[in-house]
Amino acid sequence: MPVTPNHLLQRSLCKHCFVDENPARAGTSFYGKPVMHPRDLTADDVLLLPYGDTARAIRQKFERLYRARLVEI
C-alpha cells in the first residue's frame, strides 16, 4: 500500500525524531527530539520529507541508500 500524508494522519504513524545524514549530528537532539542517521531507519519507518521542490531529489537519493518508506510533503 502506498504511504500518503492522509494515510499517515489516519493511522497516526509518526516517529518523533529528526533525520540527518551528518554522522556528527546522529545521537544528538534538535528541538528536544532525537536526531537519527537515515541508515538507522528500518523498512517499517516512515520518513516525511517536507522540502517542497527539493523533496523529490531527496526521496530519490534516499530510496537508493536507505530503507525507510518516504513521503514527499
PDB file of N, CA and C in Angstrom:
ATOM      1  N   MET A   1       0.842  -1.170   0.000  1.00  0.00           N
ATOM      2  CA  MET A   1       0.000   0.000   0.000  1.00  0.00           C
ATOM      3  C   MET A   1       0.892   1.238   0.000  1.00  0.00           C
ATOM      4  N   PRO A   2       0.632   2.206  -0.872  1.00  0.00           N
ATOM      5  CA  PRO A   2       1.436   3.436  -0.871  1.00  0.00           C
ATOM      6  C   PRO A   2       1.168   4.245   0.391  1.00  0.00           C
ATOM      7  N   VAL A   3       2.182   4.924   0.839  1.00  0.00           N
ATOM      8  CA  VAL A   3       2.046   5.776   2.011  1.00  0.00           C
ATOM      9  C   VAL A   3       1.794   7.196   1.528  1.00  0.00           C
ATOM     10  N   THR A   4       0.717   7.789   1.990  1.00  0.00           N
ATOM     11  CA  THR A   4       0.384   9.162   1.635  1.00  0.00           C
ATOM     12  C   THR A   4       0.236   9.962   2.920  1.00  0.00           C
ATOM     13  N   PRO A   5       0.311  11.289   2.856  1.00  0.00           N
ATOM     14  CA  PRO A   5       0.102  12.076   4.070  1.00  0.00           C
ATOM     15  C   PRO A   5      -1.227  11.780   4.748  1.00  0.00           C
ATOM     16  N   ASN A   6      -2.304  11.595   3.964  1.00  0.00           N
ATOM     17  CA  ASN A   6      -3.601  11.277   4.567  1.00  0.00           C
ATOM     18  C   ASN A   6      -3.567   9.944   5.292  1.00  0.00           C
ATOM     19  N   HIS A   7      -2.892   8.959   4.705  1.00  0.00           N
ATOM     20  CA  HIS A   7      -2.754   7.653   5.342  1.00  0.00           C
ATOM     21  C   HIS A   7      -2.054   7.802   6.691  1.00  0.00           C
ATOM     22  N   LEU A   8      -1.010   8.603   6.729  1.00  0.00           N
ATOM     23  CA  LEU A   8      -0.278   8.810   7.974  1.00  0.00           C
ATOM     24  C   LEU A   8      -1.149   9.453   9.031  1.00  0.00           C
ATOM     25  N   LEU A   9      -1.926  10.442   8.640  1.00  0.00           N
ATOM     26  CA  LEU A   9      -2.800  11.106   9.603  1.00  0.00           C
ATOM     27  C   LEU A   9      -3.864  10.157  10.123  1.00  0.00           C
ATOM     28  N   GLN A  10      -4.428   9.338   9.252  1.00  0.00           N
ATOM     29  CA  GLN A  10      -5.468   8.405   9.661  1.00  0.00           C
ATOM     30  C   GLN A  10      -4.914   7.329  10.585  1.00  0.00           C
ATOM     31  N   ARG A  11      -3.694   6.879  10.323  1.00  0.00           N
ATOM     32  CA  ARG A  11      -3.093   5.791  11.099  1.00  0.00           C
ATOM     33  C   ARG A  11      -2.238   6.290  12.259  1.00  0.00           C
ATOM     34  N   SER A  12      -2.039   7.588  12.333  1.00  0.00           N
ATOM     35  CA  SER A  12      -1.173   8.187  13.364  1.00  0.00           C
ATOM     36  C   SER A  12       0.217   7.557  13.369  1.00  0.00           C
ATOM     37  N   LEU A  13       0.741   7.285  12.187  1.00  0.00           N
ATOM     38  CA  LEU A  13       2.090   6.739  12.070  1.00  0.00           C
ATOM     39  C   LEU A  13       3.074   7.895  12.121  1.00  0.00           C
ATOM     40  N   CYS A  14       3.698   8.068  13.240  1.00  0.00           N
ATOM     41  CA  CYS A  14       4.593   9.205  13.375  1.00  0.00           C
ATOM     42  C   CYS A  14       5.695   8.838  14.359  1.00  0.00           C
ATOM     43  N   LYS A  15       6.902   8.921  13.915  1.00  0.00           N
ATOM     44  CA  LYS A  15       8.040   8.708  14.801  1.00  0.00           C
ATOM     45  C   LYS A  15       8.595  10.086  15.097  1.00  0.00           C
ATOM     46  N   HIS A  16       8.669  10.411  16.327  1.00  0.00           N
ATOM     47  CA  HIS A  16       9.035  11.767  16.718  1.00  0.00           C
ATOM     48  C   HIS A  16      10.543  11.903  16.815  1.00  0.00           C
ATOM     49  N   CYS A  17      11.162  12.175  15.673  1.00  0.00           N
ATOM     50  CA  CYS A  17      12.602  12.391  15.619  1.00  0.00           C
ATOM     51  C   CYS A  17      12.926  13.180  14.361  1.00  0.00           C
ATOM     52  N   PHE A  18      14.160  13.584  14.273  1.00  0.00           N
ATOM     53  CA  PHE A  18      14.677  14.206  13.057  1.00  0.00           C
ATOM     54  C   PHE A  18      15.713  13.269  12.465  1.00  0.00           C
ATOM     55  N   VAL A  19      15.924  13.395  11.151  1.00  0.00           N
ATOM     56  CA  VAL A  19      16.895  12.562  10.450  1.00  0.00           C
ATOM     57  C   VAL A  19      17.905  13.489   9.780  1.00  0.00           C
ATOM     58  N   ASP A  20      19.176  13.139   9.928  1.00  0.00           N
ATOM     59  CA  ASP A  20      20.241  13.950   9.329  1.00  0.00           C
ATOM     60  C   ASP A  20      21.348  13.020   8.864  1.00  0.00           C
ATOM     61  N   GLU A  21      21.819  13.219   7.639  1.00  0.00           N
ATOM     62  CA  GLU A  21      22.901  12.380   7.117  1.00  0.00           C
ATOM     63  C   GLU A  21      24.258  12.712   7.720  1.00  0.00           C
ATOM     64  N   ASN A  22      24.392  13.819   8.389  1.00  0.00           N
ATOM     65  CA  ASN A  22      25.653  14.190   9.017  1.00  0.00           C
ATOM     66  C   ASN A  22      25.871  13.290  10.234  1.00  0.00           C
ATOM     67  N   PRO A  23      26.872  12.397  10.203  1.00  0.00           N
ATOM     68  CA  PRO A  23      27.074  11.472  11.324  1.00  0.00           C
ATOM     69  C   PRO A  23      27.348  12.185  12.647  1.00  0.00           C
ATOM     70  N   ALA A  24      27.880  13.398  12.602  1.00  0.00           N
ATOM     71  CA  ALA A  24      28.155  14.138  13.836  1.00  0.00           C
ATOM     72  C   ALA A  24      26.871  14.568  14.543  1.00  0.00           C
ATOM     73  N   ARG A  25      25.774  14.628  13.819  1.00  0.00           N
ATOM     74  CA  ARG A  25      24.503  15.042  14.429  1.00  0.00           C
ATOM     75  C   ARG A  25      23.698  13.871  14.967  1.00  0.00           C
ATOM     76  N   ALA A  26      23.946  12.675  14.447  1.00  0.00           N
ATOM     77  CA  ALA A  26      23.237  11.485  14.935  1.00  0.00           C
ATOM     78  C   ALA A  26      23.552  11.299  16.415  1.00  0.00           C
ATOM     79  N   GLY A  27      22.515  11.006  17.183  1.00  0.00           N
ATOM     80  CA  GLY A  27      22.688  10.817  18.613  1.00  0.00           C
ATOM     81  C   GLY A  27      22.549  12.100  19.410  1.00  0.00           C
ATOM     82  N   THR A  28      22.388  13.227  18.741  1.00  0.00           N
ATOM     83  CA  THR A  28      22.157  14.487  19.434  1.00  0.00           C
ATOM     84  C   THR A  28      20.651  14.736  19.466  1.00  0.00           C
ATOM     85  N   SER A  29      20.253  15.911  19.864  1.00  0.00           N
ATOM     86  CA  SER A  29      18.836  16.257  19.823  1.00  0.00           C
ATOM     87  C   SER A  29      18.674  17.607  19.140  1.00  0.00           C
ATOM     88  N   PHE A  30      17.470  17.823  18.626  1.00  0.00           N
ATOM     89  CA  PHE A  30      17.123  19.056  17.938  1.00  0.00           C
ATOM     90  C   PHE A  30      15.701  19.389  18.367  1.00  0.00           C
ATOM     91  N   TYR A  31      15.511  20.565  18.947  1.00  0.00           N
ATOM     92  CA  TYR A  31      14.210  20.950  19.489  1.00  0.00           C
ATOM     93  C   TYR A  31      13.650  19.876  20.418  1.00  0.00           C
ATOM     94  N   GLY A  32      14.525  19.266  21.195  1.00  0.00           N
ATOM     95  CA  GLY A  32      14.102  18.269  22.171  1.00  0.00           C
ATOM     96  C   GLY A  32      13.791  16.902  21.607  1.00  0.00           C
ATOM     97  N   LYS A  33      14.015  16.694  20.327  1.00  0.00           N
ATOM     98  CA  LYS A  33      13.753  15.391  19.681  1.00  0.00           C
ATOM     99  C   LYS A  33      15.077  14.768  19.273  1.00  0.00           C
ATOM    100  N   PRO A  34      15.178  13.444  19.334  1.00  0.00           N
ATOM    101  CA  PRO A  34      16.427  12.795  18.934  1.00  0.00           C
ATOM    102  C   PRO A  34      16.701  12.944  17.441  1.00  0.00           C
ATOM    103  N   VAL A  35      17.973  12.971  17.086  1.00  0.00           N
ATOM    104  CA  VAL A  35      18.400  13.017  15.690  1.00  0.00           C
ATOM    105  C   VAL A  35      18.989  11.653  15.347  1.00  0.00           C
ATOM    106  N   MET A  36      18.502  11.066  14.262  1.00  0.00           N
ATOM    107  CA  MET A  36      18.968   9.759  13.805  1.00  0.00           C
ATOM    108  C   MET A  36      19.612   9.889  12.435  1.00  0.00           C
ATOM    109  N   HIS A  37      20.557   9.024  12.140  1.00  0.00           N
ATOM    110  CA  HIS A  37      21.079   8.931  10.779  1.00  0.00           C
ATOM    111  C   HIS A  37      20.097   8.070   9.986  1.00  0.00           C
ATOM    112  N   PRO A  38      19.826   8.381   8.722  1.00  0.00           N
ATOM    113  CA  PRO A  38      18.855   7.599   7.954  1.00  0.00           C
ATOM    114  C   PRO A  38      19.236   6.130   7.790  1.00  0.00           C
ATOM    115  N   ARG A  39      20.504   5.783   7.924  1.00  0.00           N
ATOM    116  CA  ARG A  39      20.883   4.360   7.822  1.00  0.00           C
ATOM    117  C   ARG A  39      20.328   3.554   8.993  1.00  0.00           C
ATOM    118  N   ASP A  40      19.936   4.235  10.079  1.00  0.00           N
ATOM    119  CA  ASP A  40      19.382   3.553  11.245  1.00  0.00           C
ATOM    120  C   ASP A  40      17.878   3.335  11.148  1.00  0.00           C
ATOM    121  N   LEU A  41      17.257   3.845  10.102  1.00  0.00           N
ATOM    122  CA  LEU A  41      15.829   3.638   9.895  1.00  0.00           C
ATOM    123  C   LEU A  41      15.588   2.260   9.300  1.00  0.00           C
ATOM    124  N   THR A  42      14.440   1.705   9.586  1.00  0.00           N
ATOM    125  CA  THR A  42      14.083   0.384   9.059  1.00  0.00           C
ATOM    126  C   THR A  42      13.026   0.531   7.967  1.00  0.00           C
ATOM    127  N   ALA A  43      12.708  -0.557   7.331  1.00  0.00           N
ATOM    128  CA  ALA A  43      11.670  -0.554   6.296  1.00  0.00           C
ATOM    129  C   ALA A  43      10.301  -0.258   6.895  1.00  0.00           C
ATOM    130  N   ASP A  44      10.147  -0.391   8.201  1.00  0.00           N
ATOM    131  CA  ASP A  44       8.880  -0.078   8.865  1.00  0.00           C
ATOM    132  C   ASP A  44       8.747   1.399   9.211  1.00  0.00           C
ATOM    133  N   ASP A  45       9.854   2.135   9.167  1.00  0.00           N
ATOM    134  CA  ASP A  45       9.819   3.563   9.493  1.00  0.00           C
ATOM    135  C   ASP A  45       9.320   4.368   8.305  1.00  0.00           C
ATOM    136  N   VAL A  46       8.589   5.423   8.600  1.00  0.00           N
ATOM    137  CA  VAL A  46       8.086   6.340   7.575  1.00  0.00           C
ATOM    138  C   VAL A  46       8.764   7.679   7.809  1.00  0.00           C
ATOM    139  N   LEU A  47       9.396   8.180   6.770  1.00  0.00           N
ATOM    140  CA  LEU A  47      10.109   9.447   6.852  1.00  0.00           C
ATOM    141  C   LEU A  47       9.393  10.477   5.994  1.00  0.00           C
ATOM    142  N   LEU A  48       8.943  11.558   6.630  1.00  0.00           N
ATOM    143  CA  LEU A  48       8.285  12.643   5.914  1.00  0.00           C
ATOM    144  C   LEU A  48       9.338  13.608   5.405  1.00  0.00           C
ATOM    145  N   LEU A  49       9.231  13.989   4.154  1.00  0.00           N
ATOM    146  CA  LEU A  49      10.189  14.898   3.515  1.00  0.00           C
ATOM    147  C   LEU A  49       9.481  16.211   3.186  1.00  0.00           C
ATOM    148  N   PRO A  50       9.479  17.162   4.113  1.00  0.00           N
ATOM    149  CA  PRO A  50       8.759  18.426   3.898  1.00  0.00           C
ATOM    150  C   PRO A  50       9.638  19.486   3.245  1.00  0.00           C
ATOM    151  N   TYR A  51      10.169  19.185   2.076  1.00  0.00           N
ATOM    152  CA  TYR A  51      11.166  20.064   1.472  1.00  0.00           C
ATOM    153  C   TYR A  51      10.729  20.689   0.160  1.00  0.00           C
ATOM    154  N   GLY A  52       9.442  20.764  -0.080  1.00  0.00           N
ATOM    155  CA  GLY A  52       8.944  21.434  -1.283  1.00  0.00           C
ATOM    156  C   GLY A  52       9.527  20.856  -2.558  1.00  0.00           C
ATOM    157  N   ASP A  53      10.049  21.732  -3.399  1.00  0.00           N
ATOM    158  CA  ASP A  53      10.553  21.326  -4.712  1.00  0.00           C
ATOM    159  C   ASP A  53      11.750  20.388  -4.642  1.00  0.00           C
ATOM    160  N   THR A  54      12.503  20.402  -3.554  1.00  0.00           N
ATOM    161  CA  THR A  54      13.679  19.542  -3.453  1.00  0.00           C
ATOM    162  C   THR A  54      13.354  18.166  -2.873  1.00  0.00           C
ATOM    163  N   ALA A  55      12.127  17.961  -2.410  1.00  0.00           N
ATOM    164  CA  ALA A  55      11.754  16.687  -1.787  1.00  0.00           C
ATOM    165  C   ALA A  55      11.941  15.509  -2.745  1.00  0.00           C
ATOM    166  N   ARG A  56      11.633  15.698  -4.016  1.00  0.00           N
ATOM    167  CA  ARG A  56      11.737  14.596  -4.981  1.00  0.00           C
ATOM    168  C   ARG A  56      13.185  14.117  -5.112  1.00  0.00           C
ATOM    169  N   ALA A  57      14.117  15.043  -5.232  1.00  0.00           N
ATOM    170  CA  ALA A  57      15.529  14.666  -5.359  1.00  0.00           C
ATOM    171  C   ALA A  57      16.021  13.971  -4.088  1.00  0.00           C
ATOM    172  N   ILE A  58      15.593  14.469  -2.946  1.00  0.00           N
ATOM    173  CA  ILE A  58      15.983  13.829  -1.681  1.00  0.00           C
ATOM    174  C   ILE A  58      15.386  12.434  -1.601  1.00  0.00           C
ATOM    175  N   ARG A  59      14.099  12.289  -1.965  1.00  0.00           N
ATOM    176  CA  ARG A  59      13.454  10.972  -1.943  1.00  0.00           C
ATOM    177  C   ARG A  59      14.192   9.989  -2.847  1.00  0.00           C
ATOM    178  N   GLN A  60      14.535  10.428  -4.059  1.00  0.00           N
ATOM    179  CA  GLN A  60      15.222   9.536  -4.997  1.00  0.00           C
ATOM    180  C   GLN A  60      16.574   9.089  -4.437  1.00  0.00           C
ATOM    181  N   LYS A  61      17.300   9.999  -3.849  1.00  0.00           N
ATOM    182  CA  LYS A  61      18.592   9.657  -3.243  1.00  0.00           C
ATOM    183  C   LYS A  61      18.395   8.685  -2.085  1.00  0.00           C
ATOM    184  N   PHE A  62      17.459   9.008  -1.186  1.00  0.00           N
ATOM    185  CA  PHE A  62      17.233   8.169  -0.011  1.00  0.00           C
ATOM    186  C   PHE A  62      16.719   6.782  -0.401  1.00  0.00           C
ATOM    187  N   GLU A  63      15.929   6.695  -1.459  1.00  0.00           N
ATOM    188  CA  GLU A  63      15.444   5.378  -1.912  1.00  0.00           C
ATOM    189  C   GLU A  63      16.604   4.477  -2.322  1.00  0.00           C
ATOM    190  N   ARG A  64      17.646   5.058  -2.887  1.00  0.00           N
ATOM    191  CA  ARG A  64      18.811   4.267  -3.296  1.00  0.00           C
ATOM    192  C   ARG A  64      19.656   3.829  -2.100  1.00  0.00           C
ATOM    193  N   LEU A  65      19.668   4.646  -1.043  1.00  0.00           N
ATOM    194  CA  LEU A  65      20.624   4.430   0.049  1.00  0.00           C
ATOM    195  C   LEU A  65      20.040   3.864   1.323  1.00  0.00           C
ATOM    196  N   TYR A  66      18.749   4.123   1.600  1.00  0.00           N
ATOM    197  CA  TYR A  66      18.183   3.784   2.908  1.00  0.00           C
ATOM    198  C   TYR A  66      16.903   3.004   2.773  1.00  0.00           C
ATOM    199  N   ARG A  67      16.451   2.426   3.886  1.00  0.00           N
ATOM    200  CA  ARG A  67      15.310   1.504   3.853  1.00  0.00           C
ATOM    201  C   ARG A  67      13.970   2.113   4.201  1.00  0.00           C
ATOM    202  N   ALA A  68      13.908   3.274   4.778  1.00  0.00           N
ATOM    203  CA  ALA A  68      12.635   3.842   5.251  1.00  0.00           C
ATOM    204  C   ALA A  68      11.662   4.065   4.106  1.00  0.00           C
ATOM    205  N   ARG A  69      10.389   4.079   4.444  1.00  0.00           N
ATOM    206  CA  ARG A  69       9.347   4.465   3.487  1.00  0.00           C
ATOM    207  C   ARG A  69       9.322   5.984   3.481  1.00  0.00           C
ATOM    208  N   LEU A  70       9.266   6.564   2.306  1.00  0.00           N
ATOM    209  CA  LEU A  70       9.435   8.007   2.154  1.00  0.00           C
ATOM    210  C   LEU A  70       8.183   8.661   1.605  1.00  0.00           C
ATOM    211  N   VAL A  71       7.831   9.810   2.189  1.00  0.00           N
ATOM    212  CA  VAL A  71       6.662  10.558   1.757  1.00  0.00           C
ATOM    213  C   VAL A  71       7.058  12.002   1.529  1.00  0.00           C
ATOM    214  N   GLU A  72       6.859  12.471   0.301  1.00  0.00           N
ATOM    215  CA  GLU A  72       7.095  13.894  -0.004  1.00  0.00           C
ATOM    216  C   GLU A  72       5.871  14.688   0.454  1.00  0.00           C
ATOM    217  N   ILE A  73       6.139  15.792   1.114  1.00  0.00           N
ATOM    218  CA  ILE A  73       5.037  16.657   1.559  1.00  0.00           C
ATOM    219  C   ILE A  73       5.235  18.006   0.898  1.00  0.00           C
TER     220      ILE A  73
END
